[in-house]
Amino acid sequence: MRRFQRLFHILAGALALVSASCDRNEAKPVVYLEVDSLTLAPDPSRGTSSAHVRSVWVESEGTYLGVYPLPARIPLPVSDPNATVRLYPGVEVNGISSFQAQYEF
């Protein structure tokens, strides 16, 4: 029994030393962009707007930020307040919800 207490104290001390040396990174500030839906304005020469937009692809300053299902609440970094954010509609490939692609319009 005494061995277990001693082992417990050694492990607790080691854990305290390891956790005390961890870096404390500050969380970077973000703003949230809320997108309820996307509406397509079809060009008659390119087809109809019958595609059901299910997701939104997000890009900021050429950096891909992710794909979010609609409605979406998208976190955006605040590192550059004048950054250009581009949103692309996403549709299901062959009607399969687990396969999303950007809608080419």
PDB file of N, CA and C in Angstrom:
ATOM      1  N   MET A   1       0.826  -1.186   0.000  1.00  0.00           N
ATOM      2  CA  MET A   1       0.000   0.000   0.000  1.00  0.00           C
ATOM      3  C   MET A   1       0.872   1.252   0.000  1.00  0.00           C
ATOM      4  N   ARG A   2       1.944   1.207   0.735  1.00  0.00           N
ATOM      5  CA  ARG A   2       2.852   2.348   0.828  1.00  0.00           C
ATOM      6  C   ARG A   2       3.522   2.600  -0.520  1.00  0.00           C
ATOM      7  N   ARG A   3       3.770   1.532  -1.285  1.00  0.00           N
ATOM      8  CA  ARG A   3       4.392   1.688  -2.609  1.00  0.00           C
ATOM      9  C   ARG A   3       3.467   2.460  -3.545  1.00  0.00           C
ATOM     10  N   PHE A   4       2.170   2.150  -3.461  1.00  0.00           N
ATOM     11  CA  PHE A   4       1.210   2.835  -4.329  1.00  0.00           C
ATOM     12  C   PHE A   4       1.097   4.319  -3.981  1.00  0.00           C
ATOM     13  N   GLN A   5       1.139   4.637  -2.697  1.00  0.00           N
ATOM     14  CA  GLN A   5       1.090   6.044  -2.299  1.00  0.00           C
ATOM     15  C   GLN A   5       2.323   6.786  -2.801  1.00  0.00           C
ATOM     16  N   ARG A   6       3.460   6.142  -2.677  1.00  0.00           N
ATOM     17  CA  ARG A   6       4.707   6.769  -3.131  1.00  0.00           C
ATOM     18  C   ARG A   6       4.679   6.962  -4.653  1.00  0.00           C
ATOM     19  N   LEU A   7       4.218   5.933  -5.379  1.00  0.00           N
ATOM     20  CA  LEU A   7       4.107   6.030  -6.831  1.00  0.00           C
ATOM     21  C   LEU A   7       3.117   7.129  -7.228  1.00  0.00           C
ATOM     22  N   PHE A   8       2.011   7.227  -6.508  1.00  0.00           N
ATOM     23  CA  PHE A   8       1.025   8.271  -6.779  1.00  0.00           C
ATOM     24  C   PHE A   8       1.633   9.654  -6.595  1.00  0.00           C
ATOM     25  N   HIS A   9       2.387   9.858  -5.532  1.00  0.00           N
ATOM     26  CA  HIS A   9       3.007  11.165  -5.274  1.00  0.00           C
ATOM     27  C   HIS A   9       4.052  11.499  -6.337  1.00  0.00           C
ATOM     28  N   ILE A  10       4.786  10.516  -6.780  1.00  0.00           N
ATOM     29  CA  ILE A  10       5.791  10.751  -7.826  1.00  0.00           C
ATOM     30  C   ILE A  10       5.106  11.132  -9.137  1.00  0.00           C
ATOM     31  N   LEU A  11       4.063  10.392  -9.507  1.00  0.00           N
ATOM     32  CA  LEU A  11       3.341  10.701 -10.742  1.00  0.00           C
ATOM     33  C   LEU A  11       2.641  12.059 -10.667  1.00  0.00           C
ATOM     34  N   ALA A  12       2.065  12.390  -9.527  1.00  0.00           N
ATOM     35  CA  ALA A  12       1.402  13.687  -9.367  1.00  0.00           C
ATOM     36  C   ALA A  12       2.415  14.821  -9.470  1.00  0.00           C
ATOM     37  N   GLY A  13       3.586  14.642  -8.886  1.00  0.00           N
ATOM     38  CA  GLY A  13       4.637  15.659  -8.984  1.00  0.00           C
ATOM     39  C   GLY A  13       5.138  15.820 -10.408  1.00  0.00           C
ATOM     40  N   ALA A  14       5.318  14.702 -11.110  1.00  0.00           N
ATOM     41  CA  ALA A  14       5.771  14.769 -12.502  1.00  0.00           C
ATOM     42  C   ALA A  14       4.725  15.462 -13.373  1.00  0.00           C
ATOM     43  N   LEU A  15       3.469  15.156 -13.153  1.00  0.00           N
ATOM     44  CA  LEU A  15       2.397  15.797 -13.913  1.00  0.00           C
ATOM     45  C   LEU A  15       2.359  17.301 -13.643  1.00  0.00           C
ATOM     46  N   ALA A  16       2.556  17.704 -12.408  1.00  0.00           N
ATOM     47  CA  ALA A  16       2.566  19.130 -12.071  1.00  0.00           C
ATOM     48  C   ALA A  16       3.726  19.842 -12.755  1.00  0.00           C
ATOM     49  N   LEU A  17       4.896  19.207 -12.804  1.00  0.00           N
ATOM     50  CA  LEU A  17       6.050  19.822 -13.467  1.00  0.00           C
ATOM     51  C   LEU A  17       5.839  19.937 -14.971  1.00  0.00           C
ATOM     52  N   VAL A  18       5.294  18.903 -15.571  1.00  0.00           N
ATOM     53  CA  VAL A  18       5.078  18.917 -17.019  1.00  0.00           C
ATOM     54  C   VAL A  18       4.023  19.950 -17.397  1.00  0.00           C
ATOM     55  N   SER A  19       2.927  20.005 -16.659  1.00  0.00           N
ATOM     56  CA  SER A  19       1.861  20.947 -17.015  1.00  0.00           C
ATOM     57  C   SER A  19       2.258  22.392 -16.733  1.00  0.00           C
ATOM     58  N   ALA A  20       3.140  22.627 -15.789  1.00  0.00           N
ATOM     59  CA  ALA A  20       3.586  23.993 -15.498  1.00  0.00           C
ATOM     60  C   ALA A  20       4.470  24.536 -16.602  1.00  0.00           C
ATOM     61  N   SER A  21       5.119  23.662 -17.360  1.00  0.00           N
ATOM     62  CA  SER A  21       6.022  24.126 -18.411  1.00  0.00           C
ATOM     63  C   SER A  21       5.331  24.271 -19.765  1.00  0.00           C
ATOM     64  N   CYS A  22       4.024  24.019 -19.839  1.00  0.00           N
ATOM     65  CA  CYS A  22       3.298  24.151 -21.108  1.00  0.00           C
ATOM     66  C   CYS A  22       3.186  25.616 -21.504  1.00  0.00           C
ATOM     67  N   ASP A  23       3.267  25.864 -22.801  1.00  0.00           N
ATOM     68  CA  ASP A  23       3.086  27.219 -23.307  1.00  0.00           C
ATOM     69  C   ASP A  23       1.615  27.594 -23.208  1.00  0.00           C
ATOM     70  N   ARG A  24       1.380  28.811 -22.827  1.00  0.00           N
ATOM     71  CA  ARG A  24       0.018  29.330 -22.758  1.00  0.00           C
ATOM     72  C   ARG A  24      -0.188  30.243 -23.966  1.00  0.00           C
ATOM     73  N   ASN A  25      -0.763  29.703 -25.014  1.00  0.00           N
ATOM     74  CA  ASN A  25      -1.000  30.490 -26.220  1.00  0.00           C
ATOM     75  C   ASN A  25      -2.308  31.256 -26.082  1.00  0.00           C
ATOM     76  N   GLU A  26      -2.244  32.514 -26.430  1.00  0.00           N
ATOM     77  CA  GLU A  26      -3.438  33.343 -26.412  1.00  0.00           C
ATOM     78  C   GLU A  26      -4.315  32.984 -27.612  1.00  0.00           C
ATOM     79  N   ALA A  27      -5.590  32.976 -27.423  1.00  0.00           N
ATOM     80  CA  ALA A  27      -6.514  32.726 -28.529  1.00  0.00           C
ATOM     81  C   ALA A  27      -6.539  33.955 -29.430  1.00  0.00           C
ATOM     82  N   LYS A  28      -6.447  33.717 -30.732  1.00  0.00           N
ATOM     83  CA  LYS A  28      -6.471  34.823 -31.682  1.00  0.00           C
ATOM     84  C   LYS A  28      -7.907  35.313 -31.840  1.00  0.00           C
ATOM     85  N   PRO A  29      -8.087  36.626 -31.935  1.00  0.00           N
ATOM     86  CA  PRO A  29      -9.452  37.141 -32.078  1.00  0.00           C
ATOM     87  C   PRO A  29     -10.047  36.778 -33.439  1.00  0.00           C
ATOM     88  N   VAL A  30     -11.330  36.524 -33.450  1.00  0.00           N
ATOM     89  CA  VAL A  30     -12.038  36.185 -34.686  1.00  0.00           C
ATOM     90  C   VAL A  30     -13.336  36.985 -34.758  1.00  0.00           C
ATOM     91  N   VAL A  31     -13.835  37.121 -35.952  1.00  0.00           N
ATOM     92  CA  VAL A  31     -15.183  37.651 -36.165  1.00  0.00           C
ATOM     93  C   VAL A  31     -15.983  36.530 -36.816  1.00  0.00           C
ATOM     94  N   TYR A  32     -17.281  36.585 -36.672  1.00  0.00           N
ATOM     95  CA  TYR A  32     -18.124  35.535 -37.231  1.00  0.00           C
ATOM     96  C   TYR A  32     -18.960  36.091 -38.374  1.00  0.00           C
ATOM     97  N   LEU A  33     -18.962  35.362 -39.462  1.00  0.00           N
ATOM     98  CA  LEU A  33     -19.772  35.685 -40.628  1.00  0.00           C
ATOM     99  C   LEU A  33     -20.922  34.687 -40.662  1.00  0.00           C
ATOM    100  N   GLU A  34     -22.149  35.187 -40.607  1.00  0.00           N
ATOM    101  CA  GLU A  34     -23.306  34.301 -40.629  1.00  0.00           C
ATOM    102  C   GLU A  34     -23.930  34.316 -42.017  1.00  0.00           C
ATOM    103  N   VAL A  35     -24.068  33.131 -42.598  1.00  0.00           N
ATOM    104  CA  VAL A  35     -24.651  32.971 -43.930  1.00  0.00           C
ATOM    105  C   VAL A  35     -25.869  32.064 -43.789  1.00  0.00           C
ATOM    106  N   ASP A  36     -27.041  32.627 -44.045  1.00  0.00           N
ATOM    107  CA  ASP A  36     -28.273  31.832 -43.955  1.00  0.00           C
ATOM    108  C   ASP A  36     -28.511  31.032 -45.224  1.00  0.00           C
ATOM    109  N   SER A  37     -28.305  31.680 -46.371  1.00  0.00           N
ATOM    110  CA  SER A  37     -28.521  30.996 -47.644  1.00  0.00           C
ATOM    111  C   SER A  37     -27.780  31.740 -48.742  1.00  0.00           C
ATOM    112  N   LEU A  38     -27.602  31.074 -49.865  1.00  0.00           N
ATOM    113  CA  LEU A  38     -27.004  31.688 -51.048  1.00  0.00           C
ATOM    114  C   LEU A  38     -28.033  31.608 -52.168  1.00  0.00           C
ATOM    115  N   THR A  39     -28.144  32.678 -52.923  1.00  0.00           N
ATOM    116  CA  THR A  39     -29.082  32.724 -54.037  1.00  0.00           C
ATOM    117  C   THR A  39     -28.306  32.871 -55.329  1.00  0.00           C
ATOM    118  N   LEU A  40     -28.638  32.044 -56.305  1.00  0.00           N
ATOM    119  CA  LEU A  40     -27.977  32.104 -57.603  1.00  0.00           C
ATOM    120  C   LEU A  40     -28.807  32.930 -58.573  1.00  0.00           C
ATOM    121  N   ALA A  41     -28.132  33.754 -59.345  1.00  0.00           N
ATOM    122  CA  ALA A  41     -28.777  34.489 -60.433  1.00  0.00           C
ATOM    123  C   ALA A  41     -28.323  33.808 -61.716  1.00  0.00           C
ATOM    124  N   PRO A  42     -29.148  32.916 -62.280  1.00  0.00           N
ATOM    125  CA  PRO A  42     -28.703  32.101 -63.415  1.00  0.00           C
ATOM    126  C   PRO A  42     -28.525  32.912 -64.697  1.00  0.00           C
ATOM    127  N   ASP A  43     -27.568  32.486 -65.476  1.00  0.00           N
ATOM    128  CA  ASP A  43     -27.338  33.019 -66.813  1.00  0.00           C
ATOM    129  C   ASP A  43     -28.001  32.026 -67.769  1.00  0.00           C
ATOM    130  N   PRO A  44     -28.976  32.453 -68.567  1.00  0.00           N
ATOM    131  CA  PRO A  44     -29.687  31.512 -69.444  1.00  0.00           C
ATOM    132  C   PRO A  44     -28.769  30.710 -70.361  1.00  0.00           C
ATOM    133  N   SER A  45     -27.605  31.252 -70.693  1.00  0.00           N
ATOM    134  CA  SER A  45     -26.694  30.516 -71.575  1.00  0.00           C
ATOM    135  C   SER A  45     -25.950  29.404 -70.843  1.00  0.00           C
ATOM    136  N   ARG A  46     -26.033  29.389 -69.506  1.00  0.00           N
ATOM    137  CA  ARG A  46     -25.303  28.385 -68.725  1.00  0.00           C
ATOM    138  C   ARG A  46     -26.213  27.415 -67.989  1.00  0.00           C
ATOM    139  N   GLY A  47     -27.490  27.460 -68.238  1.00  0.00           N
ATOM    140  CA  GLY A  47     -28.378  26.508 -67.577  1.00  0.00           C
ATOM    141  C   GLY A  47     -29.342  27.192 -66.629  1.00  0.00           C
ATOM    142  N   THR A  48     -29.888  26.411 -65.682  1.00  0.00           N
ATOM    143  CA  THR A  48     -30.890  26.923 -64.753  1.00  0.00           C
ATOM    144  C   THR A  48     -30.329  26.966 -63.343  1.00  0.00           C
ATOM    145  N   SER A  49     -31.127  27.509 -62.437  1.00  0.00           N
ATOM    146  CA  SER A  49     -30.713  27.569 -61.033  1.00  0.00           C
ATOM    147  C   SER A  49     -31.340  26.430 -60.241  1.00  0.00           C
ATOM    148  N   SER A  50     -31.471  25.262 -60.857  1.00  0.00           N
ATOM    149  CA  SER A  50     -32.115  24.132 -60.191  1.00  0.00           C
ATOM    150  C   SER A  50     -31.197  23.437 -59.190  1.00  0.00           C
ATOM    151  N   ALA A  51     -29.919  23.807 -59.144  1.00  0.00           N
ATOM    152  CA  ALA A  51     -28.994  23.191 -58.186  1.00  0.00           C
ATOM    153  C   ALA A  51     -29.350  23.644 -56.773  1.00  0.00           C
ATOM    154  N   HIS A  52     -29.393  22.703 -55.853  1.00  0.00           N
ATOM    155  CA  HIS A  52     -29.695  23.028 -54.464  1.00  0.00           C
ATOM    156  C   HIS A  52     -28.383  23.307 -53.741  1.00  0.00           C
ATOM    157  N   VAL A  53     -28.176  24.557 -53.386  1.00  0.00           N
ATOM    158  CA  VAL A  53     -26.953  24.943 -52.683  1.00  0.00           C
ATOM    159  C   VAL A  53     -27.075  24.467 -51.245  1.00  0.00           C
ATOM    160  N   ARG A  54     -26.169  23.585 -50.830  1.00  0.00           N
ATOM    161  CA  ARG A  54     -26.221  22.988 -49.498  1.00  0.00           C
ATOM    162  C   ARG A  54     -25.101  23.472 -48.578  1.00  0.00           C
ATOM    163  N   SER A  55     -24.039  24.039 -49.163  1.00  0.00           N
ATOM    164  CA  SER A  55     -22.893  24.446 -48.358  1.00  0.00           C
ATOM    165  C   SER A  55     -22.261  25.692 -48.950  1.00  0.00           C
ATOM    166  N   VAL A  56     -21.333  26.255 -48.204  1.00  0.00           N
ATOM    167  CA  VAL A  56     -20.598  27.424 -48.667  1.00  0.00           C
ATOM    168  C   VAL A  56     -19.104  27.153 -48.491  1.00  0.00           C
ATOM    169  N   TRP A  57     -18.328  27.413 -49.547  1.00  0.00           N
ATOM    170  CA  TRP A  57     -16.881  27.275 -49.524  1.00  0.00           C
ATOM    171  C   TRP A  57     -16.318  28.662 -49.231  1.00  0.00           C
ATOM    172  N   VAL A  58     -15.385  28.758 -48.291  1.00  0.00           N
ATOM    173  CA  VAL A  58     -14.884  30.058 -47.852  1.00  0.00           C
ATOM    174  C   VAL A  58     -13.395  30.168 -48.136  1.00  0.00           C
ATOM    175  N   GLU A  59     -13.015  31.314 -48.694  1.00  0.00           N
ATOM    176  CA  GLU A  59     -11.618  31.603 -49.021  1.00  0.00           C
ATOM    177  C   GLU A  59     -11.341  33.042 -48.611  1.00  0.00           C
ATOM    178  N   SER A  60     -10.182  33.286 -47.996  1.00  0.00           N
ATOM    179  CA  SER A  60      -9.788  34.636 -47.609  1.00  0.00           C
ATOM    180  C   SER A  60      -8.359  34.883 -48.058  1.00  0.00           C
ATOM    181  N   GLU A  61      -8.184  35.892 -48.903  1.00  0.00           N
ATOM    182  CA  GLU A  61      -6.866  36.268 -49.421  1.00  0.00           C
ATOM    183  C   GLU A  61      -6.132  35.067 -50.017  1.00  0.00           C
ATOM    184  N   GLY A  62      -6.851  34.235 -50.745  1.00  0.00           N
ATOM    185  CA  GLY A  62      -6.249  33.083 -51.404  1.00  0.00           C
ATOM    186  C   GLY A  62      -6.032  31.884 -50.503  1.00  0.00           C
ATOM    187  N   THR A  63      -6.410  31.986 -49.229  1.00  0.00           N
ATOM    188  CA  THR A  63      -6.258  30.883 -48.282  1.00  0.00           C
ATOM    189  C   THR A  63      -7.611  30.211 -48.075  1.00  0.00           C
ATOM    190  N   TYR A  64      -7.640  28.905 -48.296  1.00  0.00           N
ATOM    191  CA  TYR A  64      -8.859  28.119 -48.127  1.00  0.00           C
ATOM    192  C   TYR A  64      -9.159  27.994 -46.635  1.00  0.00           C
ATOM    193  N   LEU A  65     -10.366  28.394 -46.212  1.00  0.00           N
ATOM    194  CA  LEU A  65     -10.741  28.343 -44.802  1.00  0.00           C
ATOM    195  C   LEU A  65     -11.682  27.195 -44.461  1.00  0.00           C
ATOM    196  N   GLY A  66     -12.336  26.609 -45.469  1.00  0.00           N
ATOM    197  CA  GLY A  66     -13.178  25.457 -45.180  1.00  0.00           C
ATOM    198  C   GLY A  66     -14.497  25.471 -45.915  1.00  0.00           C
ATOM    199  N   VAL A  67     -15.249  24.390 -45.704  1.00  0.00           N
ATOM    200  CA  VAL A  67     -16.588  24.225 -46.266  1.00  0.00           C
ATOM    201  C   VAL A  67     -17.546  24.109 -45.088  1.00  0.00           C
ATOM    202  N   TYR A  68     -18.629  24.875 -45.129  1.00  0.00           N
ATOM    203  CA  TYR A  68     -19.578  24.906 -44.027  1.00  0.00           C
ATOM    204  C   TYR A  68     -20.983  24.618 -44.550  1.00  0.00           C
ATOM    205  N   PRO A  69     -21.736  23.757 -43.861  1.00  0.00           N
ATOM    206  CA  PRO A  69     -23.122  23.500 -44.273  1.00  0.00           C
ATOM    207  C   PRO A  69     -23.994  24.716 -43.958  1.00  0.00           C
ATOM    208  N   LEU A  70     -24.969  24.955 -44.816  1.00  0.00           N
ATOM    209  CA  LEU A  70     -25.873  26.094 -44.608  1.00  0.00           C
ATOM    210  C   LEU A  70     -27.009  25.711 -43.681  1.00  0.00           C
ATOM    211  N   PRO A  71     -27.477  26.603 -42.845  1.00  0.00           N
ATOM    212  CA  PRO A  71     -26.933  27.914 -42.520  1.00  0.00           C
ATOM    213  C   PRO A  71     -25.617  27.774 -41.765  1.00  0.00           C
ATOM    214  N   ALA A  72     -24.719  28.743 -41.958  1.00  0.00           N
ATOM    215  CA  ALA A  72     -23.369  28.627 -41.412  1.00  0.00           C
ATOM    216  C   ALA A  72     -23.006  29.830 -40.552  1.00  0.00           C
ATOM    217  N   ARG A  73     -22.216  29.567 -39.536  1.00  0.00           N
ATOM    218  CA  ARG A  73     -21.591  30.611 -38.717  1.00  0.00           C
ATOM    219  C   ARG A  73     -20.095  30.375 -38.852  1.00  0.00           C
ATOM    220  N   ILE A  74     -19.431  31.238 -39.626  1.00  0.00           N
ATOM    221  CA  ILE A  74     -18.058  31.007 -40.051  1.00  0.00           C
ATOM    222  C   ILE A  74     -17.105  31.905 -39.268  1.00  0.00           C
ATOM    223  N   PRO A  75     -16.125  31.315 -38.544  1.00  0.00           N
ATOM    224  CA  PRO A  75     -15.134  32.143 -37.852  1.00  0.00           C
ATOM    225  C   PRO A  75     -14.068  32.627 -38.835  1.00  0.00           C
ATOM    226  N   LEU A  76     -13.803  33.919 -38.824  1.00  0.00           N
ATOM    227  CA  LEU A  76     -12.783  34.505 -39.691  1.00  0.00           C
ATOM    228  C   LEU A  76     -11.728  35.184 -38.831  1.00  0.00           C
ATOM    229  N   PRO A  77     -10.433  34.976 -39.124  1.00  0.00           N
ATOM    230  CA  PRO A  77      -9.387  35.638 -38.345  1.00  0.00           C
ATOM    231  C   PRO A  77      -9.417  37.147 -38.577  1.00  0.00           C
ATOM    232  N   VAL A  78      -9.032  37.908 -37.553  1.00  0.00           N
ATOM    233  CA  VAL A  78      -9.062  39.365 -37.631  1.00  0.00           C
ATOM    234  C   VAL A  78      -7.682  39.928 -37.948  1.00  0.00           C
ATOM    235  N   SER A  79      -6.763  39.116 -38.424  1.00  0.00           N
ATOM    236  CA  SER A  79      -5.395  39.581 -38.655  1.00  0.00           C
ATOM    237  C   SER A  79      -5.336  40.731 -39.650  1.00  0.00           C
ATOM    238  N   ASP A  80      -6.201  40.747 -40.658  1.00  0.00           N
ATOM    239  CA  ASP A  80      -6.235  41.831 -41.639  1.00  0.00           C
ATOM    240  C   ASP A  80      -7.686  42.280 -41.810  1.00  0.00           C
ATOM    241  N   PRO A  81      -8.045  43.453 -41.265  1.00  0.00           N
ATOM    242  CA  PRO A  81      -9.441  43.889 -41.357  1.00  0.00           C
ATOM    243  C   PRO A  81      -9.893  44.209 -42.779  1.00  0.00           C
ATOM    244  N   ASN A  82      -8.955  44.408 -43.709  1.00  0.00           N
ATOM    245  CA  ASN A  82      -9.305  44.713 -45.095  1.00  0.00           C
ATOM    246  C   ASN A  82      -9.194  43.496 -46.007  1.00  0.00           C
ATOM    247  N   ALA A  83      -9.152  42.312 -45.439  1.00  0.00           N
ATOM    248  CA  ALA A  83      -9.006  41.089 -46.233  1.00  0.00           C
ATOM    249  C   ALA A  83     -10.249  40.856 -47.087  1.00  0.00           C
ATOM    250  N   THR A  84     -10.028  40.311 -48.268  1.00  0.00           N
ATOM    251  CA  THR A  84     -11.125  39.960 -49.165  1.00  0.00           C
ATOM    252  C   THR A  84     -11.569  38.534 -48.871  1.00  0.00           C
ATOM    253  N   VAL A  85     -12.842  38.366 -48.562  1.00  0.00           N
ATOM    254  CA  VAL A  85     -13.407  37.048 -48.277  1.00  0.00           C
ATOM    255  C   VAL A  85     -14.306  36.672 -49.450  1.00  0.00           C
ATOM    256  N   ARG A  86     -14.067  35.487 -50.008  1.00  0.00           N
ATOM    257  CA  ARG A  86     -14.872  35.004 -51.131  1.00  0.00           C
ATOM    258  C   ARG A  86     -15.692  33.807 -50.675  1.00  0.00           C
ATOM    259  N   LEU A  87     -16.957  33.807 -51.064  1.00  0.00           N
ATOM    260  CA  LEU A  87     -17.863  32.707 -50.758  1.00  0.00           C
ATOM    261  C   LEU A  87     -18.280  32.050 -52.063  1.00  0.00           C
ATOM    262  N   TYR A  88     -18.208  30.726 -52.100  1.00  0.00           N
ATOM    263  CA  TYR A  88     -18.606  29.962 -53.277  1.00  0.00           C
ATOM    264  C   TYR A  88     -19.710  28.994 -52.876  1.00  0.00           C
ATOM    265  N   PRO A  89     -20.761  28.876 -53.684  1.00  0.00           N
ATOM    266  CA  PRO A  89     -21.816  27.916 -53.349  1.00  0.00           C
ATOM    267  C   PRO A  89     -21.326  26.486 -53.520  1.00  0.00           C
ATOM    268  N   GLY A  90     -21.799  25.606 -52.661  1.00  0.00           N
ATOM    269  CA  GLY A  90     -21.449  24.186 -52.744  1.00  0.00           C
ATOM    270  C   GLY A  90     -22.683  23.349 -53.010  1.00  0.00           C
ATOM    271  N   VAL A  91     -22.537  22.368 -53.875  1.00  0.00           N
ATOM    272  CA  VAL A  91     -23.651  21.479 -54.219  1.00  0.00           C
ATOM    273  C   VAL A  91     -23.222  20.033 -54.009  1.00  0.00           C
ATOM    274  N   GLU A  92     -24.208  19.154 -53.920  1.00  0.00           N
ATOM    275  CA  GLU A  92     -23.930  17.726 -53.779  1.00  0.00           C
ATOM    276  C   GLU A  92     -23.535  17.151 -55.134  1.00  0.00           C
ATOM    277  N   VAL A  93     -22.532  16.286 -55.142  1.00  0.00           N
ATOM    278  CA  VAL A  93     -22.105  15.622 -56.372  1.00  0.00           C
ATOM    279  C   VAL A  93     -22.973  14.386 -56.573  1.00  0.00           C
ATOM    280  N   ASN A  94     -23.678  14.325 -57.680  1.00  0.00           N
ATOM    281  CA  ASN A  94     -24.572  13.206 -58.011  1.00  0.00           C
ATOM    282  C   ASN A  94     -25.605  12.939 -56.920  1.00  0.00           C
ATOM    283  N   GLY A  95     -25.998  13.987 -56.189  1.00  0.00           N
ATOM    284  CA  GLY A  95     -27.018  13.846 -55.156  1.00  0.00           C
ATOM    285  C   GLY A  95     -26.540  13.188 -53.882  1.00  0.00           C
ATOM    286  N   ILE A  96     -25.234  13.004 -53.721  1.00  0.00           N
ATOM    287  CA  ILE A  96     -24.687  12.358 -52.526  1.00  0.00           C
ATOM    288  C   ILE A  96     -24.232  13.451 -51.567  1.00  0.00           C
ATOM    289  N   SER A  97     -24.850  13.512 -50.384  1.00  0.00           N
ATOM    290  CA  SER A  97     -24.590  14.613 -49.462  1.00  0.00           C
ATOM    291  C   SER A  97     -23.177  14.612 -48.888  1.00  0.00           C
ATOM    292  N   SER A  98     -22.508  13.472 -48.866  1.00  0.00           N
ATOM    293  CA  SER A  98     -21.153  13.436 -48.315  1.00  0.00           C
ATOM    294  C   SER A  98     -20.098  13.889 -49.326  1.00  0.00           C
ATOM    295  N   PHE A  99     -20.492  14.101 -50.577  1.00  0.00           N
ATOM    296  CA  PHE A  99     -19.574  14.601 -51.604  1.00  0.00           C
ATOM    297  C   PHE A  99     -20.024  15.990 -52.028  1.00  0.00           C
ATOM    298  N   GLN A 100     -19.268  16.997 -51.625  1.00  0.00           N
ATOM    299  CA  GLN A 100     -19.597  18.382 -51.941  1.00  0.00           C
ATOM    300  C   GLN A 100     -18.595  18.923 -52.952  1.00  0.00           C
ATOM    301  N   ALA A 101     -19.062  19.789 -53.831  1.00  0.00           N
ATOM    302  CA  ALA A 101     -18.190  20.431 -54.811  1.00  0.00           C
ATOM    303  C   ALA A 101     -18.630  21.876 -54.975  1.00  0.00           C
ATOM    304  N   GLN A 102     -17.694  22.716 -55.413  1.00  0.00           N
ATOM    305  CA  GLN A 102     -18.056  24.098 -55.702  1.00  0.00           C
ATOM    306  C   GLN A 102     -18.950  24.124 -56.927  1.00  0.00           C
ATOM    307  N   TYR A 103     -19.968  24.949 -56.882  1.00  0.00           N
ATOM    308  CA  TYR A 103     -20.879  25.086 -58.014  1.00  0.00           C
ATOM    309  C   TYR A 103     -20.226  25.993 -59.046  1.00  0.00           C
ATOM    310  N   GLU A 104     -20.036  25.484 -60.249  1.00  0.00           N
ATOM    311  CA  GLU A 104     -19.440  26.269 -61.334  1.00  0.00           C
ATOM    312  C   GLU A 104     -20.529  27.080 -62.000  1.00  0.00           C
ATOM    313  N   PHE A 105     -20.452  28.371 -61.836  1.00  0.00           N
ATOM    314  CA  PHE A 105     -21.459  29.232 -62.448  1.00  0.00           C
ATOM    315  C   PHE A 105     -20.818  30.228 -63.365  1.00  0.00           C
TER     316      PHE A 105
END
